C-alpha atoms as a PDB file:
ATOM      1  CA  MET A   1     -14.552 -17.671  22.030  1.00  0.00           C
ATOM      2  CA  SER A   2     -11.249 -15.825  21.661  1.00  0.00           C
ATOM      3  CA  LEU A   3      -9.341 -15.648  18.394  1.00  0.00           C
ATOM      4  CA  HIS A   4      -6.349 -17.135  20.198  1.00  0.00           C
ATOM      5  CA  ASP A   5      -7.927 -19.945  22.243  1.00  0.00           C
ATOM      6  CA  GLN A   6      -6.026 -22.471  20.139  1.00  0.00           C
ATOM      7  CA  LEU A   7      -2.669 -20.683  20.293  1.00  0.00           C
ATOM      8  CA  THR A   8       0.324 -21.552  22.492  1.00  0.00           C
ATOM      9  CA  VAL A   9       3.097 -18.970  22.759  1.00  0.00           C
ATOM     10  CA  VAL A  10       6.227 -21.071  23.317  1.00  0.00           C
ATOM     11  CA  ALA A  11       9.915 -20.434  24.029  1.00  0.00           C
ATOM     12  CA  ILE A  12      12.595 -23.152  23.945  1.00  0.00           C
ATOM     13  CA  TYR A  13      15.776 -22.844  26.024  1.00  0.00           C
ATOM     14  CA  GLY A  14      17.940 -25.944  26.154  1.00  0.00           C
ATOM     15  CA  HIS A  15      20.972 -24.113  27.534  1.00  0.00           C
ATOM     16  CA  SER A  16      19.479 -22.266  30.547  1.00  0.00           C
ATOM     17  CA  ASP A  17      16.392 -21.888  32.703  1.00  0.00           C
ATOM     18  CA  GLY A  18      14.861 -19.679  30.016  1.00  0.00           C
ATOM     19  CA  SER A  19      14.300 -16.739  32.351  1.00  0.00           C
ATOM     20  CA  SER A  20      15.611 -14.351  29.685  1.00  0.00           C
ATOM     21  CA  ALA A  21      12.591 -15.247  27.525  1.00  0.00           C
ATOM     22  CA  LEU A  22      10.000 -14.416  30.190  1.00  0.00           C
ATOM     23  CA  PRO A  23       9.548 -10.765  29.101  1.00  0.00           C
ATOM     24  CA  SER A  24       8.863 -11.928  25.535  1.00  0.00           C
ATOM     25  CA  LEU A  25       6.468 -14.626  26.724  1.00  0.00           C
ATOM     26  CA  ARG A  26       4.609 -12.268  29.057  1.00  0.00           C
ATOM     27  CA  ARG A  27       4.330  -9.489  26.501  1.00  0.00           C
ATOM     28  CA  SER A  28       3.270 -11.803  23.683  1.00  0.00           C
ATOM     29  CA  VAL A  29       0.614 -13.612  25.745  1.00  0.00           C
ATOM     30  CA  HIS A  30      -0.699 -10.270  27.008  1.00  0.00           C
ATOM     31  CA  GLN A  31      -0.903  -8.927  23.445  1.00  0.00           C
ATOM     32  CA  LEU A  32      -2.783 -12.047  22.250  1.00  0.00           C
ATOM     33  CA  PRO A  33      -5.692 -12.513  24.708  1.00  0.00           C
ATOM     34  CA  GLY A  34      -6.812 -16.112  25.090  1.00  0.00           C
ATOM     35  CA  SER A  35      -3.417 -17.583  24.197  1.00  0.00           C
ATOM     36  CA  ARG A  36      -1.434 -19.680  26.652  1.00  0.00           C
ATOM     37  CA  GLY A  37       2.261 -19.387  27.473  1.00  0.00           C
ATOM     38  CA  LEU A  38       4.710 -22.285  27.583  1.00  0.00           C
ATOM     39  CA  LEU A  39       8.397 -22.303  28.521  1.00  0.00           C
ATOM     40  CA  LEU A  40      10.515 -25.345  27.695  1.00  0.00           C
ATOM     41  CA  SER A  41      13.862 -25.160  29.466  1.00  0.00           C
ATOM     42  CA  LEU A  42      16.534 -27.031  31.419  1.00  0.00           C
ATOM     43  CA  THR A  43      15.300 -25.913  34.837  1.00  0.00           C
ATOM     44  CA  ARG A  44      12.355 -23.976  36.187  1.00  0.00           C
ATOM     45  CA  PRO A  45      12.969 -20.231  36.561  1.00  0.00           C
ATOM     46  CA  ARG A  46      12.884 -19.004  40.145  1.00  0.00           C
ATOM     47  CA  GLU A  47      10.058 -16.602  39.363  1.00  0.00           C
ATOM     48  CA  LEU A  48       7.655 -18.065  36.819  1.00  0.00           C
ATOM     49  CA  PRO A  49       4.819 -15.643  36.027  1.00  0.00           C
ATOM     50  CA  ASP A  50       1.194 -16.702  36.372  1.00  0.00           C
ATOM     51  CA  GLY A  51      -0.182 -17.940  33.090  1.00  0.00           C
ATOM     52  CA  ILE A  52       3.139 -19.360  31.879  1.00  0.00           C
ATOM     53  CA  GLU A  53       3.444 -23.151  32.066  1.00  0.00           C
ATOM     54  CA  TRP A  54       6.890 -24.719  32.417  1.00  0.00           C
ATOM     55  CA  ARG A  55       8.017 -28.083  31.062  1.00  0.00           C
ATOM     56  CA  GLN A  56      11.495 -29.517  31.465  1.00  0.00           C
ATOM     57  CA  ILE A  57      13.646 -30.525  28.496  1.00  0.00           C
ATOM     58  CA  GLY A  58      17.205 -31.802  28.214  1.00  0.00           C
ATOM     59  CA  PRO A  59      20.259 -29.792  27.182  1.00  0.00           C
ATOM     60  CA  LEU A  60      20.360 -28.669  23.559  1.00  0.00           C
ATOM     61  CA  SER A  61      23.308 -27.492  21.488  1.00  0.00           C
ATOM     62  CA  TYR A  62      22.760 -25.036  18.639  1.00  0.00           C
ATOM     63  CA  VAL A  63      22.221 -27.873  16.151  1.00  0.00           C
ATOM     64  CA  GLN A  64      20.177 -29.929  18.597  1.00  0.00           C
ATOM     65  CA  TYR A  65      17.798 -26.979  19.013  1.00  0.00           C
ATOM     66  CA  SER A  66      16.979 -27.195  15.314  1.00  0.00           C
ATOM     67  CA  ILE A  67      16.450 -30.954  15.526  1.00  0.00           C
ATOM     68  CA  PHE A  68      14.228 -30.462  18.590  1.00  0.00           C
ATOM     69  CA  VAL A  69      12.047 -27.943  16.755  1.00  0.00           C
ATOM     70  CA  MET A  70      11.727 -30.246  13.743  1.00  0.00           C
ATOM     71  CA  HIS A  71      11.109 -33.514  15.535  1.00  0.00           C
ATOM     72  CA  CYS A  72      10.164 -32.953  19.193  1.00  0.00           C
ATOM     73  CA  LEU A  73       8.254 -29.688  19.636  1.00  0.00           C
ATOM     74  CA  HIS A  74       4.998 -31.173  18.324  1.00  0.00           C
ATOM     75  CA  THR A  75       4.762 -33.435  21.403  1.00  0.00           C
ATOM     76  CA  PHE A  76       4.520 -30.401  23.704  1.00  0.00           C
ATOM     77  CA  ILE A  77       1.919 -28.406  21.744  1.00  0.00           C
ATOM     78  CA  LEU A  78      -1.719 -29.313  22.415  1.00  0.00           C
ATOM     79  CA  THR A  79      -3.324 -26.375  20.602  1.00  0.00           C
ATOM     80  CA  ASP A  80      -3.925 -26.018  16.862  1.00  0.00           C
ATOM     81  CA  PHE A  81      -1.129 -23.437  16.523  1.00  0.00           C
ATOM     82  CA  CYS A  82       1.966 -22.233  18.318  1.00  0.00           C
ATOM     83  CA  LEU A  83       3.816 -18.942  18.151  1.00  0.00           C
ATOM     84  CA  LEU A  84       7.529 -19.472  18.665  1.00  0.00           C
ATOM     85  CA  VAL A  85       9.185 -16.572  20.518  1.00  0.00           C
ATOM     86  CA  GLN A  86      12.630 -15.904  21.972  1.00  0.00           C
ATOM     87  CA  ASP A  87      14.157 -13.203  24.132  1.00  0.00           C
ATOM     88  CA  ASP A  88      14.872 -11.375  20.864  1.00  0.00           C
ATOM     89  CA  GLY A  89      11.598 -12.302  19.131  1.00  0.00           C
ATOM     90  CA  TRP A  90       8.273 -10.980  20.453  1.00  0.00           C
ATOM     91  CA  VAL A  91       4.889  -9.416  19.677  1.00  0.00           C
ATOM     92  CA  ILE A  92       4.944  -5.686  19.055  1.00  0.00           C
ATOM     93  CA  ASP A  93       1.198  -5.121  18.638  1.00  0.00           C
ATOM     94  CA  GLY A  94      -1.304  -7.954  19.003  1.00  0.00           C
ATOM     95  CA  CYS A  95      -4.024  -5.833  17.375  1.00  0.00           C
ATOM     96  CA  ASN A  96      -2.199  -6.451  14.081  1.00  0.00           C
ATOM     97  CA  PHE A  97      -2.823 -10.206  14.206  1.00  0.00           C
ATOM     98  CA  LEU A  98      -4.847 -11.118  11.113  1.00  0.00           C
ATOM     99  CA  PRO A  99      -7.246 -14.107  11.274  1.00  0.00           C
ATOM    100  CA  GLU A 100      -5.885 -14.939   7.810  1.00  0.00           C
ATOM    101  CA  TYR A 101      -2.642 -16.040   9.441  1.00  0.00           C
ATOM    102  CA  TYR A 102      -4.423 -19.122  10.749  1.00  0.00           C
ATOM    103  CA  THR A 103      -5.146 -20.288   7.193  1.00  0.00           C
ATOM    104  CA  PHE A 104      -1.449 -21.099   6.723  1.00  0.00           C
ATOM    105  CA  ASP A 105       0.744 -23.694   8.402  1.00  0.00           C
ATOM    106  CA  TYR A 106       3.855 -21.533   8.647  1.00  0.00           C
ATOM    107  CA  ILE A 107       4.580 -17.830   8.619  1.00  0.00           C
ATOM    108  CA  GLY A 108       7.616 -15.798   9.683  1.00  0.00           C
ATOM    109  CA  ALA A 109       9.460 -12.682   8.596  1.00  0.00           C
ATOM    110  CA  PRO A 110      10.966 -12.890   5.075  1.00  0.00           C
ATOM    111  CA  CYS A 111      14.674 -12.932   5.829  1.00  0.00           C
ATOM    112  CA  HIS A 112      17.862 -12.145   3.953  1.00  0.00           C
ATOM    113  CA  VAL A 113      18.307 -15.769   2.814  1.00  0.00           C
ATOM    114  CA  ALA A 114      16.625 -17.492  -0.128  1.00  0.00           C
ATOM    115  CA  ARG A 115      17.226 -20.678  -2.051  1.00  0.00           C
ATOM    116  CA  VAL A 116      17.791 -20.410  -5.780  1.00  0.00           C
ATOM    117  CA  GLY A 117      18.266 -23.851  -7.285  1.00  0.00           C
ATOM    118  CA  ASN A 118      20.605 -25.641  -4.893  1.00  0.00           C
ATOM    119  CA  GLU A 119      22.316 -22.481  -3.680  1.00  0.00           C
ATOM    120  CA  LEU A 120      21.559 -20.344  -0.640  1.00  0.00           C
ATOM    121  CA  ILE A 121      21.630 -16.666  -1.604  1.00  0.00           C
ATOM    122  CA  GLN A 122      22.268 -14.292   1.308  1.00  0.00           C
ATOM    123  CA  GLY A 123      22.219 -10.571   1.948  1.00  0.00           C
ATOM    124  CA  PHE A 124      18.910  -9.942   0.141  1.00  0.00           C
ATOM    125  CA  ARG A 125      20.679 -10.582  -3.175  1.00  0.00           C
ATOM    126  CA  TRP A 126      17.710 -12.740  -4.161  1.00  0.00           C
ATOM    127  CA  THR A 127      15.364  -9.784  -4.683  1.00  0.00           C
ATOM    128  CA  ASP A 128      15.688  -9.812  -8.500  1.00  0.00           C
ATOM    129  CA  MET A 129      15.677 -13.611  -8.817  1.00  0.00           C
ATOM    130  CA  PRO A 130      12.182 -14.776  -9.838  1.00  0.00           C
ATOM    131  CA  ASP A 131      12.743 -18.403  -8.754  1.00  0.00           C
ATOM    132  CA  ALA A 132      13.923 -17.528  -5.242  1.00  0.00           C
ATOM    133  CA  VAL A 133      12.364 -19.499  -2.375  1.00  0.00           C
ATOM    134  CA  VAL A 134      12.530 -16.974   0.433  1.00  0.00           C
ATOM    135  CA  VAL A 135      13.246 -18.296   3.921  1.00  0.00           C
ATOM    136  CA  GLN A 136      10.787 -17.090   6.558  1.00  0.00           C
ATOM    137  CA  ASN A 137      12.452 -16.505   9.915  1.00  0.00           C
ATOM    138  CA  GLY A 138      11.780 -19.057  12.650  1.00  0.00           C
ATOM    139  CA  GLY A 139      12.719 -17.038  15.746  1.00  0.00           C
ATOM    140  CA  PHE A 140       9.279 -15.416  15.717  1.00  0.00           C
ATOM    141  CA  SER A 141       6.983 -17.672  13.722  1.00  0.00           C
ATOM    142  CA  LEU A 142       3.464 -19.069  13.683  1.00  0.00           C
ATOM    143  CA  ARG A 143       3.228 -22.814  13.039  1.00  0.00           C
ATOM    144  CA  SER A 144       0.281 -25.158  12.890  1.00  0.00           C
ATOM    145  CA  ARG A 145       0.368 -28.371  14.902  1.00  0.00           C
ATOM    146  CA  ARG A 146       0.079 -30.192  11.589  1.00  0.00           C
ATOM    147  CA  PHE A 147       3.237 -28.443  10.417  1.00  0.00           C
ATOM    148  CA  LEU A 148       5.073 -29.355  13.633  1.00  0.00           C
ATOM    149  CA  GLY A 149       4.264 -33.062  13.311  1.00  0.00           C
ATOM    150  CA  THR A 150       4.791 -33.495   9.582  1.00  0.00           C
ATOM    151  CA  PRO A 151       8.599 -34.043   9.556  1.00  0.00           C
ATOM    152  CA  SER A 152       8.450 -36.908  12.068  1.00  0.00           C
ATOM    153  CA  ARG A 153       5.223 -38.363  10.693  1.00  0.00           C
ATOM    154  CA  GLU A 154       6.381 -38.267   7.072  1.00  0.00           C
ATOM    155  CA  GLY A 155      10.077 -39.083   7.530  1.00  0.00           C
ATOM    156  CA  ILE A 156      11.346 -35.632   6.548  1.00  0.00           C
ATOM    157  CA  VAL A 157      14.563 -35.622   8.541  1.00  0.00           C
ATOM    158  CA  TYR A 158      16.999 -32.931   9.582  1.00  0.00           C
ATOM    159  CA  GLU A 159      19.778 -32.687   7.007  1.00  0.00           C
ATOM    160  CA  PRO A 160      23.069 -32.750   8.951  1.00  0.00           C
ATOM    161  CA  SER A 161      25.154 -29.630   8.494  1.00  0.00           C
ATOM    162  CA  SER A 162      27.890 -27.868  10.431  1.00  0.00           C
ATOM    163  CA  THR A 163      27.710 -24.677   8.390  1.00  0.00           C
ATOM    164  CA  TRP A 164      25.662 -21.557   9.038  1.00  0.00           C
ATOM    165  CA  PRO A 165      22.949 -20.849   8.035  1.00  0.00           C
ATOM    166  CA  ARG A 166      22.203 -24.286   6.562  1.00  0.00           C
ATOM    167  CA  MET A 167      22.118 -25.808  10.066  1.00  0.00           C
ATOM    168  CA  ASN A 168      19.230 -23.556  11.179  1.00  0.00           C
ATOM    169  CA  GLU A 169      15.795 -25.125  11.441  1.00  0.00           C
ATOM    170  CA  ASP A 170      14.105 -22.304   9.538  1.00  0.00           C
ATOM    171  CA  ILE A 171      16.524 -22.837   6.635  1.00  0.00           C
ATOM    172  CA  GLN A 172      15.855 -26.578   6.763  1.00  0.00           C
ATOM    173  CA  LEU A 173      12.073 -26.269   6.997  1.00  0.00           C
ATOM    174  CA  GLY A 174      11.760 -23.051   5.021  1.00  0.00           C
ATOM    175  CA  CYS A 175      13.570 -24.071   1.855  1.00  0.00           C
ATOM    176  CA  MET A 176      15.549 -27.344   1.999  1.00  0.00           C
ATOM    177  CA  ALA A 177      12.500 -29.409   3.003  1.00  0.00           C
ATOM    178  CA  ARG A 178       9.836 -27.060   1.672  1.00  0.00           C
ATOM    179  CA  ALA A 179       8.972 -29.066  -1.449  1.00  0.00           C
ATOM    180  CA  ALA A 180       8.581 -32.232   0.612  1.00  0.00           C
ATOM    181  CA  MET A 181       6.433 -30.392   3.168  1.00  0.00           C
ATOM    182  CA  GLU A 182       4.245 -28.836   0.476  1.00  0.00           C
ATOM    183  CA  LYS A 183       3.800 -32.253  -1.121  1.00  0.00           C
ATOM    184  CA  ARG A 184       2.172 -33.288   2.181  1.00  0.00           C
ATOM    185  CA  GLY A 185      -0.244 -30.361   1.998  1.00  0.00           C
ATOM    186  CA  ILE A 186       1.655 -27.862   4.149  1.00  0.00           C
ATOM    187  CA  ARG A 187       0.900 -24.242   3.256  1.00  0.00           C
ATOM    188  CA  TYR A 188       3.541 -21.537   3.635  1.00  0.00           C
ATOM    189  CA  ALA A 189       2.319 -17.950   3.785  1.00  0.00           C
ATOM    190  CA  PRO A 190       3.138 -15.827   0.724  1.00  0.00           C
ATOM    191  CA  VAL A 191       5.947 -13.325   1.132  1.00  0.00           C
ATOM    192  CA  ALA A 192       3.586 -10.370   0.634  1.00  0.00           C
ATOM    193  CA  LEU A 193       1.601 -11.433   3.711  1.00  0.00           C
ATOM    194  CA  ALA A 194       4.644 -12.460   5.736  1.00  0.00           C
ATOM    195  CA  LEU A 195       6.120  -8.970   5.311  1.00  0.00           C
ATOM    196  CA  HIS A 196       3.422  -7.606   7.627  1.00  0.00           C
ATOM    197  CA  PHE A 197       3.598 -10.521  10.064  1.00  0.00           C
ATOM    198  CA  SER A 198       7.100  -9.751  11.304  1.00  0.00           C
ATOM    199  CA  VAL A 199      10.436  -8.191  10.488  1.00  0.00           C
ATOM    200  CA  GLU A 200      13.940  -9.503  11.063  1.00  0.00           C
ATOM    201  CA  TYR A 201      16.623  -7.408   9.373  1.00  0.00           C
ATOM    202  CA  LEU A 202      15.502  -4.748   6.931  1.00  0.00           C
ATOM    203  CA  GLY A 203      16.748  -4.876   3.373  1.00  0.00           C
ATOM    204  CA  PRO A 204      16.627  -2.476   0.394  1.00  0.00           C
ATOM    205  CA  GLY A 205      14.189  -3.579  -2.268  1.00  0.00           C
ATOM    206  CA  VAL A 206      12.290  -5.714   0.233  1.00  0.00           C
ATOM    207  CA  HIS A 207      11.365  -3.370   3.076  1.00  0.00           C
ATOM    208  CA  ASP A 208      11.531  -0.003   1.297  1.00  0.00           C
ATOM    209  CA  ASP A 209       7.838   0.746   1.838  1.00  0.00           C
ATOM    210  CA  LEU A 210       7.124  -1.463   4.850  1.00  0.00           C
ATOM    211  CA  ASN A 211       4.633   0.205   7.177  1.00  0.00           C
ATOM    212  CA  PHE A 212       5.855  -0.595  10.686  1.00  0.00           C
ATOM    213  CA  THR A 213       2.467   0.219  12.221  1.00  0.00           C
ATOM    214  CA  LYS A 214       1.014  -2.944  10.640  1.00  0.00           C
ATOM    215  CA  LEU A 215       3.615  -5.324  12.084  1.00  0.00           C
ATOM    216  CA  LEU A 216       2.615  -8.038  14.520  1.00  0.00           C
ATOM    217  CA  GLY A 217       6.122  -8.783  15.775  1.00  0.00           C
ATOM    218  CA  GLN A 218       9.868  -8.808  15.236  1.00  0.00           C
ATOM    219  CA  HIS A 219      12.927 -10.995  15.682  1.00  0.00           C
ATOM    220  CA  ALA A 220      16.593 -10.009  15.550  1.00  0.00           C
ATOM    221  CA  VAL A 221      19.541 -10.823  17.782  1.00  0.00           C
ATOM    222  CA  THR A 222      20.284  -7.096  17.998  1.00  0.00           C
ATOM    223  CA  ARG A 223      16.903  -6.355  19.664  1.00  0.00           C
ATOM    224  CA  LYS A 224      16.477  -8.219  22.942  1.00  0.00           C
ATOM    225  CA  LEU A 225      13.470  -7.627  25.170  1.00  0.00           C
ATOM    226  CA  VAL A 226      14.826  -7.339  28.731  1.00  0.00           C
ATOM    227  CA  SER A 227      11.515  -6.249  30.247  1.00  0.00           C
ATOM    228  CA  GLU A 228       8.043  -5.996  28.772  1.00  0.00           C
ATOM    229  CA  THR A 229       8.771  -2.373  27.884  1.00  0.00           C
ATOM    230  CA  THR A 230      12.566  -2.282  27.434  1.00  0.00           C
ATOM    231  CA  VAL A 231      14.641  -3.318  24.421  1.00  0.00           C
ATOM    232  CA  SER A 232      18.383  -3.845  24.663  1.00  0.00           C
ATOM    233  CA  CYS A 233      19.953  -2.907  21.333  1.00  0.00           C
ATOM    234  CA  ARG A 234      23.207  -4.788  20.810  1.00  0.00           C
ATOM    235  CA  LEU A 235      24.512  -2.056  18.526  1.00  0.00           C
ATOM    236  CA  PRO A 236      25.873   1.422  19.309  1.00  0.00           C
ATOM    237  CA  ARG A 237      23.947   4.335  17.848  1.00  0.00           C
ATOM    238  CA  THR A 238      26.566   4.863  15.136  1.00  0.00           C
ATOM    239  CA  ALA A 239      26.135   1.298  13.859  1.00  0.00           C
ATOM    240  CA  VAL A 240      22.349   1.640  13.980  1.00  0.00           C
ATOM    241  CA  ALA A 241      22.569   4.789  11.877  1.00  0.00           C
ATOM    242  CA  ASP A 242      24.512   2.863   9.223  1.00  0.00           C
ATOM    243  CA  THR A 243      21.947   0.034   9.052  1.00  0.00           C
ATOM    244  CA  PHE A 244      19.093   0.255   6.547  1.00  0.00           C
ATOM    245  CA  ARG A 245      15.970   1.745   8.227  1.00  0.00           C
ATOM    246  CA  GLU A 246      17.102   0.565  11.670  1.00  0.00           C
ATOM    247  CA  THR A 247      17.009   4.016  13.259  1.00  0.00           C
ATOM    248  CA  GLU A 248      13.505   4.488  11.864  1.00  0.00           C
ATOM    249  CA  PHE A 249      12.402   1.100  13.198  1.00  0.00           C
ATOM    250  CA  LEU A 250      13.776   1.691  16.696  1.00  0.00           C
ATOM    251  CA  THR A 251      12.140   5.122  16.742  1.00  0.00           C
ATOM    252  CA  PHE A 252       8.879   3.389  15.837  1.00  0.00           C
ATOM    253  CA  LEU A 253       9.300   0.994  18.772  1.00  0.00           C
ATOM    254  CA  GLU A 254       9.790   3.992  21.051  1.00  0.00           C
ATOM    255  CA  SER A 255       6.528   5.420  19.736  1.00  0.00           C
ATOM    256  CA  ARG A 256       4.890   2.192  20.931  1.00  0.00           C
ATOM    257  CA  GLY A 257       6.052   2.837  24.482  1.00  0.00           C
ATOM    258  CA  LEU A 258       9.269   0.814  24.412  1.00  0.00           C
ATOM    259  CA  THR A 259      12.541   2.158  25.830  1.00  0.00           C
ATOM    260  CA  ILE A 260      15.665   1.449  23.754  1.00  0.00           C
ATOM    261  CA  LEU A 261      18.963   0.860  25.578  1.00  0.00           C
ATOM    262  CA  TYR A 262      21.858   1.217  23.131  1.00  0.00           C
ATOM    263  CA  GLU A 263      25.179  -0.550  23.508  1.00  0.00           C
ATOM    264  CA  SER A 264      28.022   1.706  24.583  1.00  0.00           C
ATOM    265  CA  GLN A 265      30.349   2.940  21.850  1.00  0.00           C
END
C-alpha cells in the first residue's frame, strides 16, 4: 500500500478551464506515487492528462473561491487527505514528504501574516511576538477530509470581508476561525514542522537557516510552473536580487532540474 493512496492532489479554477494548473498537477502527482489528481474548473481542458480527473464547477470570483474552499471542496474529496495546488503552488521533491504530515489536519507554509489579538500583523513583523498565531499558506496545503468538512458541519461560516488579506480562505481558516476549529478537534501543524513542508515568501528571522533541500513544495505568485520543468518568475533579475534569499532559492530550484524564465527588465 502506497503512502499516498488516500491523497487527492486538487486544483480549483472557477475562472477558466484550469489548463494553467496542469503542470503543477502532473508534477505533484508524479512526485507523490499513489496519489490521484483532480481538476475542478469551469470547462474541461482540451488536453487532460491521463491520471487527472476533471469535475465541473461554476464560476467563482476571488471571494467566492474562498467560500468554495471552506464550504464546498469537501464534497469533491473522497480520500482521507487532499493537497491543494495551483499553477504557482507545486511539489518540489516528493521524497521530502514526511508521514508525520498525515497526523495533522492542516499544514501549509508559514507566511508573512499572523494574528496578534484581533489584529493582522503583516510583513513578518510578528516574529518577536510570542502570542502570534501564524497563518499557514493555503495555495499549497495539505488538509484532512475532516478539516474540509468541519466548517459546514459545525456552522463555522466565512466571515464576509472585502479587504485583503482578510478575505483569503487561509486567513479565515488559519487564524480567524482557528480557535473554533481547534475546539472541534482540528490539529494545525506546528510552525517548526510547517517550515519544512513548504515556503511562500522568505522572511528574515523566519527563514534565515531554512534548508531548501528538505522542502516538499512551494507557493508564490512570482513562481509559476508553466511546464513540469519550467518556472516563470514574474520578477526581473534585479528585483529578485533585492528580495531576501530569493536568488538563492531560485538557484536551488535550478539545481533540481528546473529552468527559470525571468521577466524582462
